[in-house]
């Protein structure tokens, strides 16, 4: 009788430990997923910021090139007029 009781208590302890370990594994998985999703969001935000900086830089370069092209065109026109005179 005492042996049976000890055996049942041991089985109960084992079952409880298994449940605790399963709960811990599920919690670890959830924390891992949360961390991963956080870093995905951080990376997305960094990409958006980088895209905005690149867009601004490219727009500035485009405007500079347009301005240079306009200046060159005006200089060429001025040169043509002076050359004709």
PDB file of N, CA and C in Angstrom:
ATOM      1  N   UNK A   1       0.819  -1.190   0.000  1.00  0.00           N
ATOM      2  CA  UNK A   1       0.000   0.000   0.000  1.00  0.00           C
ATOM      3  C   UNK A   1       0.869   1.262   0.000  1.00  0.00           C
ATOM      4  N   UNK A   2       1.887   1.296   0.824  1.00  0.00           N
ATOM      5  CA  UNK A   2       2.768   2.454   0.885  1.00  0.00           C
ATOM      6  C   UNK A   2       3.532   2.582  -0.431  1.00  0.00           C
ATOM      7  N   UNK A   3       3.944   1.454  -0.972  1.00  0.00           N
ATOM      8  CA  UNK A   3       4.650   1.477  -2.257  1.00  0.00           C
ATOM      9  C   UNK A   3       3.757   2.034  -3.357  1.00  0.00           C
ATOM     10  N   UNK A   4       2.520   1.617  -3.376  1.00  0.00           N
ATOM     11  CA  UNK A   4       1.570   2.084  -4.389  1.00  0.00           C
ATOM     12  C   UNK A   4       1.341   3.585  -4.241  1.00  0.00           C
ATOM     13  N   UNK A   5       1.226   4.045  -3.006  1.00  0.00           N
ATOM     14  CA  UNK A   5       1.013   5.473  -2.755  1.00  0.00           C
ATOM     15  C   UNK A   5       2.235   6.280  -3.208  1.00  0.00           C
ATOM     16  N   UNK A   6       3.418   5.797  -2.875  1.00  0.00           N
ATOM     17  CA  UNK A   6       4.639   6.481  -3.304  1.00  0.00           C
ATOM     18  C   UNK A   6       4.750   6.481  -4.825  1.00  0.00           C
ATOM     19  N   UNK A   7       4.393   5.382  -5.463  1.00  0.00           N
ATOM     20  CA  UNK A   7       4.431   5.294  -6.921  1.00  0.00           C
ATOM     21  C   UNK A   7       3.464   6.281  -7.562  1.00  0.00           C
ATOM     22  N   UNK A   8       2.260   6.378  -6.998  1.00  0.00           N
ATOM     23  CA  UNK A   8       1.257   7.312  -7.530  1.00  0.00           C
ATOM     24  C   UNK A   8       1.713   8.766  -7.321  1.00  0.00           C
ATOM     25  N   UNK A   9       2.322   9.022  -6.164  1.00  0.00           N
ATOM     26  CA  UNK A   9       2.817  10.374  -5.898  1.00  0.00           C
ATOM     27  C   UNK A   9       3.943  10.722  -6.872  1.00  0.00           C
ATOM     28  N   UNK A  10       4.814   9.739  -7.131  1.00  0.00           N
ATOM     29  CA  UNK A  10       5.894   9.958  -8.085  1.00  0.00           C
ATOM     30  C   UNK A  10       5.339  10.225  -9.474  1.00  0.00           C
ATOM     31  N   UNK A  11       4.351   9.458  -9.906  1.00  0.00           N
ATOM     32  CA  UNK A  11       3.710   9.661 -11.210  1.00  0.00           C
ATOM     33  C   UNK A  11       3.044  11.034 -11.276  1.00  0.00           C
ATOM     34  N   UNK A  12       2.433  11.426 -10.190  1.00  0.00           N
ATOM     35  CA  UNK A  12       1.785  12.741 -10.135  1.00  0.00           C
ATOM     36  C   UNK A  12       2.834  13.843 -10.262  1.00  0.00           C
ATOM     37  N   UNK A  13       3.961  13.682  -9.555  1.00  0.00           N
ATOM     38  CA  UNK A  13       5.044  14.661  -9.638  1.00  0.00           C
ATOM     39  C   UNK A  13       5.604  14.731 -11.057  1.00  0.00           C
ATOM     40  N   UNK A  14       5.768  13.585 -11.690  1.00  0.00           N
ATOM     41  CA  UNK A  14       6.284  13.537 -13.054  1.00  0.00           C
ATOM     42  C   UNK A  14       5.325  14.249 -13.999  1.00  0.00           C
ATOM     43  N   UNK A  15       4.026  13.973 -13.876  1.00  0.00           N
ATOM     44  CA  UNK A  15       3.026  14.617 -14.742  1.00  0.00           C
ATOM     45  C   UNK A  15       3.039  16.131 -14.527  1.00  0.00           C
ATOM     46  N   UNK A  16       3.137  16.556 -13.268  1.00  0.00           N
ATOM     47  CA  UNK A  16       3.177  17.992 -12.971  1.00  0.00           C
ATOM     48  C   UNK A  16       4.418  18.630 -13.588  1.00  0.00           C
ATOM     49  N   UNK A  17       5.563  17.949 -13.450  1.00  0.00           N
ATOM     50  CA  UNK A  17       6.813  18.464 -14.015  1.00  0.00           C
ATOM     51  C   UNK A  17       6.718  18.566 -15.535  1.00  0.00           C
ATOM     52  N   UNK A  18       6.109  17.576 -16.183  1.00  0.00           N
ATOM     53  CA  UNK A  18       5.938  17.615 -17.633  1.00  0.00           C
ATOM     54  C   UNK A  18       5.083  18.809 -18.047  1.00  0.00           C
ATOM     55  N   UNK A  19       4.007  19.036 -17.313  1.00  0.00           N
ATOM     56  CA  UNK A  19       3.147  20.180 -17.624  1.00  0.00           C
ATOM     57  C   UNK A  19       3.912  21.494 -17.451  1.00  0.00           C
ATOM     58  N   UNK A  20       4.700  21.571 -16.389  1.00  0.00           N
ATOM     59  CA  UNK A  20       5.479  22.786 -16.144  1.00  0.00           C
ATOM     60  C   UNK A  20       6.491  23.002 -17.273  1.00  0.00           C
ATOM     61  N   UNK A  21       7.143  21.925 -17.718  1.00  0.00           N
ATOM     62  CA  UNK A  21       8.112  22.043 -18.798  1.00  0.00           C
ATOM     63  C   UNK A  21       7.440  22.440 -20.109  1.00  0.00           C
ATOM     64  N   UNK A  22       6.273  21.884 -20.382  1.00  0.00           N
ATOM     65  CA  UNK A  22       5.540  22.243 -21.601  1.00  0.00           C
ATOM     66  C   UNK A  22       5.126  23.711 -21.563  1.00  0.00           C
ATOM     67  N   UNK A  23       4.654  24.159 -20.403  1.00  0.00           N
ATOM     68  CA  UNK A  23       4.274  25.568 -20.265  1.00  0.00           C
ATOM     69  C   UNK A  23       5.494  26.465 -20.482  1.00  0.00           C
ATOM     70  N   UNK A  24       6.634  26.062 -19.944  1.00  0.00           N
ATOM     71  CA  UNK A  24       7.864  26.839 -20.097  1.00  0.00           C
ATOM     72  C   UNK A  24       8.286  26.889 -21.568  1.00  0.00           C
ATOM     73  N   UNK A  25       8.199  25.777 -22.267  1.00  0.00           N
ATOM     74  CA  UNK A  25       8.550  25.748 -23.686  1.00  0.00           C
ATOM     75  C   UNK A  25       7.626  26.649 -24.498  1.00  0.00           C
ATOM     76  N   UNK A  26       6.337  26.597 -24.211  1.00  0.00           N
ATOM     77  CA  UNK A  26       5.392  27.464 -24.927  1.00  0.00           C
ATOM     78  C   UNK A  26       5.700  28.939 -24.646  1.00  0.00           C
ATOM     79  N   UNK A  27       6.029  29.232 -23.402  1.00  0.00           N
ATOM     80  CA  UNK A  27       6.351  30.614 -23.041  1.00  0.00           C
ATOM     81  C   UNK A  27       7.623  31.067 -23.768  1.00  0.00           C
ATOM     82  N   UNK A  28       8.636  30.198 -23.831  1.00  0.00           N
ATOM     83  CA  UNK A  28       9.870  30.529 -24.546  1.00  0.00           C
ATOM     84  C   UNK A  28       9.591  30.778 -26.020  1.00  0.00           C
ATOM     85  N   UNK A  29       8.748  29.922 -26.623  1.00  0.00           N
ATOM     86  CA  UNK A  29       8.409  30.103 -28.037  1.00  0.00           C
ATOM     87  C   UNK A  29       7.715  31.436 -28.259  1.00  0.00           C
ATOM     88  N   UNK A  30       6.779  31.776 -27.374  1.00  0.00           N
ATOM     89  CA  UNK A  30       6.043  33.029 -27.514  1.00  0.00           C
ATOM     90  C   UNK A  30       6.974  34.223 -27.347  1.00  0.00           C
ATOM     91  N   UNK A  31       7.871  34.158 -26.382  1.00  0.00           N
ATOM     92  CA  UNK A  31       8.831  35.248 -26.181  1.00  0.00           C
ATOM     93  C   UNK A  31       9.726  35.376 -27.406  1.00  0.00           C
ATOM     94  N   UNK A  32      10.163  34.232 -27.948  1.00  0.00           N
ATOM     95  CA  UNK A  32      10.986  34.264 -29.164  1.00  0.00           C
ATOM     96  C   UNK A  32      10.246  34.900 -30.326  1.00  0.00           C
ATOM     97  N   UNK A  33       8.969  34.556 -30.478  1.00  0.00           N
ATOM     98  CA  UNK A  33       8.162  35.156 -31.551  1.00  0.00           C
ATOM     99  C   UNK A  33       8.009  36.658 -31.336  1.00  0.00           C
ATOM    100  N   UNK A  34       7.784  37.050 -30.080  1.00  0.00           N
ATOM    101  CA  UNK A  34       7.637  38.475 -29.779  1.00  0.00           C
ATOM    102  C   UNK A  34       8.919  39.242 -30.097  1.00  0.00           C
ATOM    103  N   UNK A  35      10.047  38.659 -29.719  1.00  0.00           N
ATOM    104  CA  UNK A  35      11.340  39.311 -29.992  1.00  0.00           C
ATOM    105  C   UNK A  35      11.550  39.419 -31.502  1.00  0.00           C
ATOM    106  N   UNK A  36      11.266  38.336 -32.208  1.00  0.00           N
ATOM    107  CA  UNK A  36      11.447  38.335 -33.664  1.00  0.00           C
ATOM    108  C   UNK A  36      10.555  39.389 -34.326  1.00  0.00           C
ATOM    109  N   UNK A  37       9.299  39.456 -33.914  1.00  0.00           N
ATOM    110  CA  UNK A  37       8.394  40.446 -34.515  1.00  0.00           C
ATOM    111  C   UNK A  37       8.843  41.868 -34.182  1.00  0.00           C
ATOM    112  N   UNK A  38       9.380  42.062 -32.989  1.00  0.00           N
ATOM    113  CA  UNK A  38       9.891  43.391 -32.619  1.00  0.00           C
ATOM    114  C   UNK A  38      11.034  43.786 -33.553  1.00  0.00           C
ATOM    115  N   UNK A  39      11.979  42.870 -33.783  1.00  0.00           N
ATOM    116  CA  UNK A  39      13.116  43.195 -34.636  1.00  0.00           C
ATOM    117  C   UNK A  39      12.703  43.378 -36.087  1.00  0.00           C
ATOM    118  N   UNK A  40      11.685  42.636 -36.519  1.00  0.00           N
ATOM    119  CA  UNK A  40      11.175  42.834 -37.879  1.00  0.00           C
ATOM    120  C   UNK A  40      10.623  44.250 -38.013  1.00  0.00           C
ATOM    121  N   UNK A  41       9.884  44.701 -37.017  1.00  0.00           N
ATOM    122  CA  UNK A  41       9.340  46.058 -37.048  1.00  0.00           C
ATOM    123  C   UNK A  41      10.450  47.105 -37.019  1.00  0.00           C
ATOM    124  N   UNK A  42      11.478  46.861 -36.206  1.00  0.00           N
ATOM    125  CA  UNK A  42      12.606  47.797 -36.142  1.00  0.00           C
ATOM    126  C   UNK A  42      13.294  47.878 -37.505  1.00  0.00           C
ATOM    127  N   UNK A  43      13.504  46.726 -38.140  1.00  0.00           N
ATOM    128  CA  UNK A  43      14.154  46.712 -39.457  1.00  0.00           C
ATOM    129  C   UNK A  43      13.287  47.412 -40.506  1.00  0.00           C
ATOM    130  N   UNK A  44      11.981  47.191 -40.449  1.00  0.00           N
ATOM    131  CA  UNK A  44      11.081  47.870 -41.385  1.00  0.00           C
ATOM    132  C   UNK A  44      11.173  49.381 -41.206  1.00  0.00           C
ATOM    133  N   UNK A  45      11.196  49.834 -39.954  1.00  0.00           N
ATOM    134  CA  UNK A  45      11.282  51.265 -39.685  1.00  0.00           C
ATOM    135  C   UNK A  45      12.601  51.830 -40.203  1.00  0.00           C
ATOM    136  N   UNK A  46      13.689  51.081 -40.003  1.00  0.00           N
ATOM    137  CA  UNK A  46      14.985  51.530 -40.503  1.00  0.00           C
ATOM    138  C   UNK A  46      14.975  51.622 -42.023  1.00  0.00           C
ATOM    139  N   UNK A  47      14.333  50.657 -42.686  1.00  0.00           N
ATOM    140  CA  UNK A  47      14.275  50.689 -44.151  1.00  0.00           C
ATOM    141  C   UNK A  47      13.469  51.887 -44.630  1.00  0.00           C
ATOM    142  N   UNK A  48      12.367  52.191 -43.942  1.00  0.00           N
ATOM    143  CA  UNK A  48      11.551  53.349 -44.318  1.00  0.00           C
ATOM    144  C   UNK A  48      12.369  54.632 -44.163  1.00  0.00           C
ATOM    145  N   UNK A  49      13.085  54.762 -43.049  1.00  0.00           N
ATOM    146  CA  UNK A  49      13.906  55.949 -42.832  1.00  0.00           C
ATOM    147  C   UNK A  49      15.002  56.057 -43.894  1.00  0.00           C
ATOM    148  N   UNK A  50      15.625  54.940 -44.223  1.00  0.00           N
ATOM    149  CA  UNK A  50      16.668  54.933 -45.245  1.00  0.00           C
ATOM    150  C   UNK A  50      16.098  55.340 -46.593  1.00  0.00           C
ATOM    151  N   UNK A  51      14.914  54.793 -46.929  1.00  0.00           N
ATOM    152  CA  UNK A  51      14.272  55.145 -48.199  1.00  0.00           C
ATOM    153  C   UNK A  51      13.968  56.643 -48.269  1.00  0.00           C
ATOM    154  N   UNK A  52      13.493  57.206 -47.162  1.00  0.00           N
ATOM    155  CA  UNK A  52      13.194  58.634 -47.142  1.00  0.00           C
ATOM    156  C   UNK A  52      14.466  59.465 -47.346  1.00  0.00           C
ATOM    157  N   UNK A  53      15.550  59.062 -46.683  1.00  0.00           N
ATOM    158  CA  UNK A  53      16.813  59.789 -46.843  1.00  0.00           C
ATOM    159  C   UNK A  53      17.317  59.682 -48.280  1.00  0.00           C
ATOM    160  N   UNK A  54      17.238  58.499 -48.855  1.00  0.00           N
ATOM    161  CA  UNK A  54      17.697  58.308 -50.229  1.00  0.00           C
ATOM    162  C   UNK A  54      16.842  59.108 -51.204  1.00  0.00           C
ATOM    163  N   UNK A  55      15.530  59.113 -50.981  1.00  0.00           N
ATOM    164  CA  UNK A  55      14.635  59.871 -51.857  1.00  0.00           C
ATOM    165  C   UNK A  55      14.985  61.351 -51.807  1.00  0.00           C
ATOM    166  N   UNK A  56      15.215  61.879 -50.599  1.00  0.00           N
ATOM    167  CA  UNK A  56      15.570  63.291 -50.457  1.00  0.00           C
ATOM    168  C   UNK A  56      16.907  63.575 -51.139  1.00  0.00           C
ATOM    169  N   UNK A  57      17.864  62.676 -50.971  1.00  0.00           N
ATOM    170  CA  UNK A  57      19.179  62.861 -51.594  1.00  0.00           C
ATOM    171  C   UNK A  57      19.068  62.841 -53.112  1.00  0.00           C
ATOM    172  N   UNK A  58      18.300  61.891 -53.642  1.00  0.00           N
ATOM    173  CA  UNK A  58      18.137  61.799 -55.092  1.00  0.00           C
ATOM    174  C   UNK A  58      17.405  63.008 -55.651  1.00  0.00           C
ATOM    175  N   UNK A  59      16.396  63.486 -54.935  1.00  0.00           N
ATOM    176  CA  UNK A  59      15.691  64.690 -55.380  1.00  0.00           C
ATOM    177  C   UNK A  59      16.639  65.888 -55.404  1.00  0.00           C
ATOM    178  N   UNK A  60      17.486  65.992 -54.390  1.00  0.00           N
ATOM    179  CA  UNK A  60      18.432  67.099 -54.341  1.00  0.00           C
ATOM    180  C   UNK A  60      19.417  67.003 -55.511  1.00  0.00           C
ATOM    181  N   UNK A  61      19.916  65.808 -55.784  1.00  0.00           N
ATOM    182  CA  UNK A  61      20.831  65.624 -56.908  1.00  0.00           C
ATOM    183  C   UNK A  61      20.147  65.947 -58.233  1.00  0.00           C
ATOM    184  N   UNK A  62      18.890  65.529 -58.361  1.00  0.00           N
ATOM    185  CA  UNK A  62      18.141  65.797 -59.587  1.00  0.00           C
ATOM    186  C   UNK A  62      17.968  67.299 -59.790  1.00  0.00           C
ATOM    187  N   UNK A  63      17.605  68.001 -58.733  1.00  0.00           N
ATOM    188  CA  UNK A  63      17.442  69.453 -58.831  1.00  0.00           C
ATOM    189  C   UNK A  63      18.758  70.136 -59.186  1.00  0.00           C
ATOM    190  N   UNK A  64      19.848  69.655 -58.599  1.00  0.00           N
ATOM    191  CA  UNK A  64      21.157  70.218 -58.906  1.00  0.00           C
ATOM    192  C   UNK A  64      21.512  69.985 -60.372  1.00  0.00           C
ATOM    193  N   UNK A  65      21.248  68.793 -60.874  1.00  0.00           N
ATOM    194  CA  UNK A  65      21.534  68.493 -62.277  1.00  0.00           C
ATOM    195  C   UNK A  65      20.663  69.329 -63.204  1.00  0.00           C
ATOM    196  N   UNK A  66      19.405  69.504 -62.845  1.00  0.00           N
ATOM    197  CA  UNK A  66      18.513  70.336 -63.647  1.00  0.00           C
ATOM    198  C   UNK A  66      19.024  71.774 -63.671  1.00  0.00           C
ATOM    199  N   UNK A  67      19.452  72.266 -62.510  1.00  0.00           N
ATOM    200  CA  UNK A  67      19.971  73.626 -62.431  1.00  0.00           C
ATOM    201  C   UNK A  67      21.236  73.768 -63.274  1.00  0.00           C
ATOM    202  N   UNK A  68      22.122  72.781 -63.185  1.00  0.00           N
ATOM    203  CA  UNK A  68      23.355  72.813 -63.988  1.00  0.00           C
ATOM    204  C   UNK A  68      23.040  72.770 -65.480  1.00  0.00           C
ATOM    205  N   UNK A  69      22.093  71.936 -65.862  1.00  0.00           N
ATOM    206  CA  UNK A  69      21.716  71.841 -67.273  1.00  0.00           C
ATOM    207  C   UNK A  69      21.136  73.173 -67.758  1.00  0.00           C
ATOM    208  N   UNK A  70      20.341  73.820 -66.920  1.00  0.00           N
ATOM    209  CA  UNK A  70      19.762  75.115 -67.292  1.00  0.00           C
ATOM    210  C   UNK A  70      20.863  76.166 -67.444  1.00  0.00           C
ATOM    211  N   UNK A  71      21.811  76.170 -66.506  1.00  0.00           N
ATOM    212  CA  UNK A  71      22.928  77.124 -66.586  1.00  0.00           C
ATOM    213  C   UNK A  71      23.758  76.896 -67.848  1.00  0.00           C
ATOM    214  N   UNK A  72      24.042  75.642 -68.148  1.00  0.00           N
ATOM    215  CA  UNK A  72      24.824  75.319 -69.343  1.00  0.00           C
ATOM    216  C   UNK A  72      24.081  75.756 -70.604  1.00  0.00           C
ATOM    217  N   UNK A  73      22.784  75.504 -70.621  1.00  0.00           N
ATOM    218  CA  UNK A  73      21.973  75.895 -71.768  1.00  0.00           C
ATOM    219  C   UNK A  73      21.991  77.413 -71.947  1.00  0.00           C
ATOM    220  N   UNK A  74      21.859  78.142 -70.834  1.00  0.00           N
ATOM    221  CA  UNK A  74      21.891  79.605 -70.908  1.00  0.00           C
ATOM    222  C   UNK A  74      23.263  80.103 -71.358  1.00  0.00           C
ATOM    223  N   UNK A  75      24.328  79.465 -70.865  1.00  0.00           N
ATOM    224  CA  UNK A  75      25.672  79.862 -71.271  1.00  0.00           C
ATOM    225  C   UNK A  75      25.892  79.594 -72.758  1.00  0.00           C
ATOM    226  N   UNK A  76      25.383  78.461 -73.227  1.00  0.00           N
ATOM    227  CA  UNK A  76      25.514  78.131 -74.641  1.00  0.00           C
ATOM    228  C   UNK A  76      24.761  79.144 -75.493  1.00  0.00           C
ATOM    229  N   UNK A  77      23.576  79.481 -75.070  1.00  0.00           N
ATOM    230  CA  UNK A  77      22.778  80.464 -75.816  1.00  0.00           C
ATOM    231  C   UNK A  77      23.494  81.815 -75.831  1.00  0.00           C
ATOM    232  N   UNK A  78      24.041  82.207 -74.674  1.00  0.00           N
ATOM    233  CA  UNK A  78      24.771  83.468 -74.597  1.00  0.00           C
ATOM    234  C   UNK A  78      26.006  83.434 -75.502  1.00  0.00           C
ATOM    235  N   UNK A  79      26.714  82.301 -75.498  1.00  0.00           N
ATOM    236  CA  UNK A  79      27.887  82.157 -76.339  1.00  0.00           C
ATOM    237  C   UNK A  79      27.511  82.260 -77.821  1.00  0.00           C
ATOM    238  N   UNK A  80      26.399  81.629 -78.190  1.00  0.00           N
ATOM    239  CA  UNK A  80      25.952  81.684 -79.595  1.00  0.00           C
ATOM    240  C   UNK A  80      25.654  83.122 -80.011  1.00  0.00           C
ATOM    241  N   UNK A  81      24.944  83.842 -79.126  1.00  0.00           N
ATOM    242  CA  UNK A  81      24.604  85.228 -79.440  1.00  0.00           C
ATOM    243  C   UNK A  81      25.858  86.086 -79.551  1.00  0.00           C
ATOM    244  N   UNK A  82      26.806  85.910 -78.668  1.00  0.00           N
ATOM    245  CA  UNK A  82      28.048  86.684 -78.709  1.00  0.00           C
ATOM    246  C   UNK A  82      28.886  86.284 -79.922  1.00  0.00           C
ATOM    247  N   UNK A  83      28.855  85.037 -80.303  1.00  0.00           N
ATOM    248  CA  UNK A  83      29.629  84.550 -81.438  1.00  0.00           C
ATOM    249  C   UNK A  83      29.074  85.115 -82.748  1.00  0.00           C
ATOM    250  N   UNK A  84      27.760  85.223 -82.815  1.00  0.00           N
ATOM    251  CA  UNK A  84      27.107  85.734 -84.035  1.00  0.00           C
ATOM    252  C   UNK A  84      27.428  87.220 -84.206  1.00  0.00           C
ATOM    253  N   UNK A  85      27.494  87.973 -83.140  1.00  0.00           N
ATOM    254  CA  UNK A  85      27.745  89.414 -83.242  1.00  0.00           C
ATOM    255  C   UNK A  85      29.095  89.662 -83.718  1.00  0.00           C
TER     256      UNK A  85
END
